[in-house]
Amino acid sequence: MSDKSDCIAVLNYLNSKTGSRFRSVPANLKLIAARLKEGATVDDCRSVIDAKTADWSGDTKMVKYLRPGTLFNAEKFAQYIGEAGSQPKGLQWE
């Protein structure tokens, strides 16, 4: 598992950008840890948070998806990282 402090840093960044109060509980941290284990960096995670916050913060239908379960879902994260214009450094694209 990734360093817990990295996972908490990503979660805290999400909270600061969105004004949310997601807790550092296993359900939230394991999603972030999985993306870091796959090769994403803390900066990659922040890029996704920044991009989706910019896209969704003014949209009353989408703002509710600014949450760990959506942003760090394996399939969605891969899409969002592409939209953010960053390729996780540890991943190899075939």
N, C-alpha and C. Protein backbone atom coordinates (compact mmCIF):
# COMPACT_ATOMS: atom_id res chain seq x y z
N MET A 1 0.84 -1.19 0.00
CA MET A 1 0.00 0.00 0.00
C MET A 1 0.88 1.24 0.00
N SER A 2 0.41 2.27 -0.62
CA SER A 2 1.15 3.52 -0.68
C SER A 2 1.27 4.11 0.71
N ASP A 3 2.20 5.04 0.84
CA ASP A 3 2.39 5.74 2.09
C ASP A 3 1.08 6.42 2.49
N LYS A 4 0.63 6.12 3.68
CA LYS A 4 -0.65 6.66 4.14
C LYS A 4 -0.64 8.19 4.15
N SER A 5 0.51 8.78 4.44
CA SER A 5 0.58 10.24 4.48
C SER A 5 0.34 10.84 3.10
N ASP A 6 0.75 10.15 2.03
CA ASP A 6 0.47 10.62 0.67
C ASP A 6 -1.03 10.58 0.40
N CYS A 7 -1.67 9.52 0.82
CA CYS A 7 -3.12 9.38 0.62
C CYS A 7 -3.87 10.47 1.38
N ILE A 8 -3.45 10.72 2.60
CA ILE A 8 -4.09 11.76 3.40
C ILE A 8 -3.85 13.14 2.79
N ALA A 9 -2.65 13.36 2.24
CA ALA A 9 -2.35 14.63 1.60
C ALA A 9 -3.27 14.87 0.40
N VAL A 10 -3.51 13.83 -0.39
CA VAL A 10 -4.42 13.93 -1.54
C VAL A 10 -5.84 14.22 -1.06
N LEU A 11 -6.28 13.51 -0.05
CA LEU A 11 -7.63 13.72 0.48
C LEU A 11 -7.78 15.13 1.04
N ASN A 12 -6.77 15.59 1.76
CA ASN A 12 -6.81 16.95 2.30
C ASN A 12 -6.84 17.99 1.18
N TYR A 13 -6.13 17.71 0.09
CA TYR A 13 -6.14 18.62 -1.05
C TYR A 13 -7.55 18.67 -1.66
N LEU A 14 -8.18 17.51 -1.80
CA LEU A 14 -9.55 17.46 -2.30
C LEU A 14 -10.47 18.28 -1.40
N ASN A 15 -10.35 18.10 -0.11
CA ASN A 15 -11.17 18.86 0.83
C ASN A 15 -10.94 20.36 0.71
N SER A 16 -9.69 20.76 0.56
CA SER A 16 -9.39 22.19 0.47
C SER A 16 -9.91 22.80 -0.83
N LYS A 17 -9.86 22.05 -1.91
CA LYS A 17 -10.33 22.56 -3.20
C LYS A 17 -11.85 22.60 -3.30
N THR A 18 -12.52 21.69 -2.62
CA THR A 18 -13.97 21.57 -2.78
C THR A 18 -14.76 22.07 -1.57
N GLY A 19 -14.07 22.35 -0.48
CA GLY A 19 -14.78 22.74 0.73
C GLY A 19 -15.48 21.58 1.41
N SER A 20 -15.08 20.37 1.06
CA SER A 20 -15.67 19.16 1.63
C SER A 20 -14.95 18.78 2.92
N ARG A 21 -15.49 17.75 3.56
CA ARG A 21 -14.88 17.25 4.80
C ARG A 21 -14.79 15.73 4.77
N PHE A 22 -14.24 15.21 3.66
CA PHE A 22 -14.07 13.76 3.58
C PHE A 22 -13.06 13.33 4.63
N ARG A 23 -13.34 12.25 5.28
CA ARG A 23 -12.49 11.76 6.37
C ARG A 23 -11.45 10.78 5.87
N SER A 24 -10.39 10.67 6.65
CA SER A 24 -9.30 9.74 6.33
C SER A 24 -9.66 8.33 6.80
N VAL A 25 -10.71 7.80 6.25
CA VAL A 25 -11.16 6.45 6.60
C VAL A 25 -10.72 5.49 5.49
N PRO A 26 -10.62 4.20 5.82
CA PRO A 26 -10.15 3.24 4.82
C PRO A 26 -10.90 3.29 3.49
N ALA A 27 -12.19 3.50 3.51
CA ALA A 27 -12.97 3.53 2.26
C ALA A 27 -12.46 4.61 1.31
N ASN A 28 -12.06 5.75 1.84
CA ASN A 28 -11.54 6.84 1.00
C ASN A 28 -10.06 6.63 0.66
N LEU A 29 -9.29 6.25 1.65
CA LEU A 29 -7.84 6.13 1.46
C LEU A 29 -7.45 4.98 0.54
N LYS A 30 -8.22 3.88 0.57
CA LYS A 30 -7.84 2.74 -0.27
C LYS A 30 -7.96 3.06 -1.76
N LEU A 31 -8.92 3.90 -2.12
CA LEU A 31 -9.06 4.31 -3.52
C LEU A 31 -7.85 5.10 -3.99
N ILE A 32 -7.42 6.02 -3.17
CA ILE A 32 -6.25 6.84 -3.51
C ILE A 32 -5.00 5.97 -3.52
N ALA A 33 -4.87 5.11 -2.52
CA ALA A 33 -3.70 4.23 -2.43
C ALA A 33 -3.59 3.33 -3.66
N ALA A 34 -4.71 2.86 -4.15
CA ALA A 34 -4.70 2.00 -5.33
C ALA A 34 -4.17 2.75 -6.56
N ARG A 35 -4.58 4.00 -6.72
CA ARG A 35 -4.09 4.78 -7.87
C ARG A 35 -2.59 5.08 -7.72
N LEU A 36 -2.14 5.34 -6.51
CA LEU A 36 -0.71 5.58 -6.29
C LEU A 36 0.09 4.30 -6.53
N LYS A 37 -0.47 3.18 -6.12
CA LYS A 37 0.20 1.90 -6.32
C LYS A 37 0.33 1.57 -7.81
N GLU A 38 -0.64 2.00 -8.61
CA GLU A 38 -0.60 1.79 -10.05
C GLU A 38 0.43 2.68 -10.75
N GLY A 39 0.97 3.64 -10.03
CA GLY A 39 1.99 4.49 -10.61
C GLY A 39 1.66 5.96 -10.70
N ALA A 40 0.45 6.34 -10.34
CA ALA A 40 0.12 7.76 -10.30
C ALA A 40 0.89 8.41 -9.16
N THR A 41 1.15 9.69 -9.29
CA THR A 41 1.84 10.43 -8.23
C THR A 41 0.82 11.29 -7.48
N VAL A 42 1.25 11.84 -6.37
CA VAL A 42 0.41 12.79 -5.64
C VAL A 42 0.06 13.96 -6.55
N ASP A 43 1.02 14.42 -7.33
CA ASP A 43 0.76 15.53 -8.27
C ASP A 43 -0.26 15.13 -9.33
N ASP A 44 -0.23 13.88 -9.80
CA ASP A 44 -1.23 13.41 -10.76
C ASP A 44 -2.62 13.49 -10.13
N CYS A 45 -2.72 13.05 -8.89
CA CYS A 45 -4.01 13.08 -8.18
C CYS A 45 -4.49 14.52 -8.02
N ARG A 46 -3.58 15.40 -7.69
CA ARG A 46 -3.95 16.82 -7.57
C ARG A 46 -4.39 17.39 -8.91
N SER A 47 -3.75 16.97 -9.99
CA SER A 47 -4.15 17.44 -11.32
C SER A 47 -5.57 17.02 -11.65
N VAL A 48 -5.93 15.80 -11.29
CA VAL A 48 -7.29 15.32 -11.52
C VAL A 48 -8.27 16.14 -10.68
N ILE A 49 -7.94 16.37 -9.44
CA ILE A 49 -8.80 17.16 -8.56
C ILE A 49 -8.98 18.57 -9.14
N ASP A 50 -7.88 19.17 -9.56
CA ASP A 50 -7.95 20.52 -10.14
C ASP A 50 -8.82 20.55 -11.39
N ALA A 51 -8.61 19.58 -12.29
CA ALA A 51 -9.35 19.55 -13.55
C ALA A 51 -10.84 19.34 -13.33
N LYS A 52 -11.19 18.37 -12.49
CA LYS A 52 -12.60 18.07 -12.29
C LYS A 52 -13.27 19.15 -11.45
N THR A 53 -12.56 19.78 -10.54
CA THR A 53 -13.12 20.90 -9.78
C THR A 53 -13.43 22.05 -10.73
N ALA A 54 -12.53 22.32 -11.65
CA ALA A 54 -12.76 23.38 -12.64
C ALA A 54 -13.96 23.04 -13.52
N ASP A 55 -14.09 21.77 -13.89
CA ASP A 55 -15.20 21.34 -14.76
C ASP A 55 -16.55 21.34 -14.05
N TRP A 56 -16.56 20.89 -12.80
CA TRP A 56 -17.82 20.56 -12.14
C TRP A 56 -18.26 21.52 -11.04
N SER A 57 -17.40 22.38 -10.54
CA SER A 57 -17.76 23.16 -9.36
C SER A 57 -18.96 24.08 -9.59
N GLY A 58 -19.20 24.52 -10.80
CA GLY A 58 -20.33 25.39 -11.08
C GLY A 58 -21.55 24.66 -11.58
N ASP A 59 -21.47 23.34 -11.67
CA ASP A 59 -22.55 22.53 -12.23
C ASP A 59 -23.27 21.80 -11.09
N THR A 60 -24.50 22.22 -10.80
CA THR A 60 -25.22 21.65 -9.67
C THR A 60 -25.47 20.15 -9.79
N LYS A 61 -25.50 19.63 -11.01
CA LYS A 61 -25.70 18.19 -11.21
C LYS A 61 -24.40 17.41 -11.00
N MET A 62 -23.26 18.03 -11.30
CA MET A 62 -21.99 17.30 -11.27
C MET A 62 -21.17 17.53 -9.99
N VAL A 63 -21.41 18.62 -9.28
CA VAL A 63 -20.59 18.96 -8.12
C VAL A 63 -20.58 17.85 -7.07
N LYS A 64 -21.67 17.09 -6.99
CA LYS A 64 -21.73 16.00 -6.01
C LYS A 64 -20.75 14.87 -6.32
N TYR A 65 -20.21 14.86 -7.54
CA TYR A 65 -19.25 13.81 -7.91
C TYR A 65 -17.80 14.18 -7.58
N LEU A 66 -17.60 15.33 -6.98
CA LEU A 66 -16.27 15.71 -6.53
C LEU A 66 -16.01 15.01 -5.19
N ARG A 67 -15.84 13.70 -5.29
CA ARG A 67 -15.68 12.85 -4.11
C ARG A 67 -14.69 11.74 -4.45
N PRO A 68 -14.07 11.15 -3.42
CA PRO A 68 -13.07 10.10 -3.66
C PRO A 68 -13.60 8.93 -4.48
N GLY A 69 -14.84 8.50 -4.23
CA GLY A 69 -15.40 7.36 -4.93
C GLY A 69 -15.51 7.55 -6.42
N THR A 70 -15.67 8.76 -6.86
CA THR A 70 -15.75 9.05 -8.28
C THR A 70 -14.37 9.38 -8.85
N LEU A 71 -13.67 10.28 -8.22
CA LEU A 71 -12.40 10.76 -8.77
C LEU A 71 -11.32 9.68 -8.81
N PHE A 72 -11.33 8.77 -7.85
CA PHE A 72 -10.25 7.78 -7.75
C PHE A 72 -10.71 6.36 -8.07
N ASN A 73 -11.88 6.23 -8.66
CA ASN A 73 -12.33 4.96 -9.21
C ASN A 73 -11.35 4.58 -10.32
N ALA A 74 -10.96 3.33 -10.42
CA ALA A 74 -9.91 2.91 -11.36
C ALA A 74 -10.19 3.33 -12.79
N GLU A 75 -11.36 3.05 -13.30
CA GLU A 75 -11.67 3.37 -14.69
C GLU A 75 -11.80 4.87 -14.91
N LYS A 76 -12.47 5.54 -14.01
CA LYS A 76 -12.68 6.97 -14.17
C LYS A 76 -11.38 7.74 -14.00
N PHE A 77 -10.53 7.33 -13.07
CA PHE A 77 -9.26 8.02 -12.86
C PHE A 77 -8.42 8.01 -14.13
N ALA A 78 -8.39 6.87 -14.81
CA ALA A 78 -7.62 6.78 -16.06
C ALA A 78 -8.15 7.77 -17.09
N GLN A 79 -9.44 7.93 -17.15
CA GLN A 79 -10.05 8.91 -18.06
C GLN A 79 -9.71 10.33 -17.62
N TYR A 80 -9.87 10.60 -16.34
CA TYR A 80 -9.65 11.95 -15.84
C TYR A 80 -8.18 12.37 -15.95
N ILE A 81 -7.28 11.44 -15.75
CA ILE A 81 -5.85 11.79 -15.85
C ILE A 81 -5.53 12.16 -17.30
N GLY A 82 -6.17 11.50 -18.25
CA GLY A 82 -6.00 11.85 -19.65
C GLY A 82 -6.55 13.23 -19.95
N GLU A 83 -7.70 13.54 -19.38
CA GLU A 83 -8.30 14.85 -19.57
C GLU A 83 -7.46 15.95 -18.94
N ALA A 84 -6.78 15.61 -17.85
CA ALA A 84 -5.95 16.59 -17.15
C ALA A 84 -4.63 16.83 -17.90
N GLY A 85 -4.38 16.00 -18.93
CA GLY A 85 -3.18 16.18 -19.74
C GLY A 85 -1.91 15.63 -19.12
N SER A 86 -2.07 14.64 -18.25
CA SER A 86 -0.92 14.07 -17.56
C SER A 86 -0.99 12.56 -17.64
N GLN A 87 0.14 11.94 -17.92
CA GLN A 87 0.21 10.49 -17.89
C GLN A 87 0.95 10.09 -16.63
N PRO A 88 0.34 9.27 -15.78
CA PRO A 88 1.05 8.83 -14.59
C PRO A 88 2.42 8.27 -14.95
N LYS A 89 3.43 8.74 -14.24
CA LYS A 89 4.81 8.39 -14.57
C LYS A 89 5.12 6.91 -14.47
N GLY A 90 4.46 6.20 -13.56
CA GLY A 90 4.77 4.80 -13.36
C GLY A 90 4.02 3.85 -14.29
N LEU A 91 3.08 4.36 -15.03
CA LEU A 91 2.28 3.49 -15.90
C LEU A 91 2.88 3.39 -17.28
N GLN A 92 2.80 2.23 -17.84
CA GLN A 92 3.27 2.01 -19.20
C GLN A 92 2.07 1.83 -20.12
N TRP A 93 1.94 2.67 -21.10
CA TRP A 93 0.85 2.56 -22.06
C TRP A 93 1.30 1.69 -23.22
N GLU A 94 0.43 0.78 -23.60
CA GLU A 94 0.76 -0.13 -24.68
C GLU A 94 0.07 0.27 -25.95
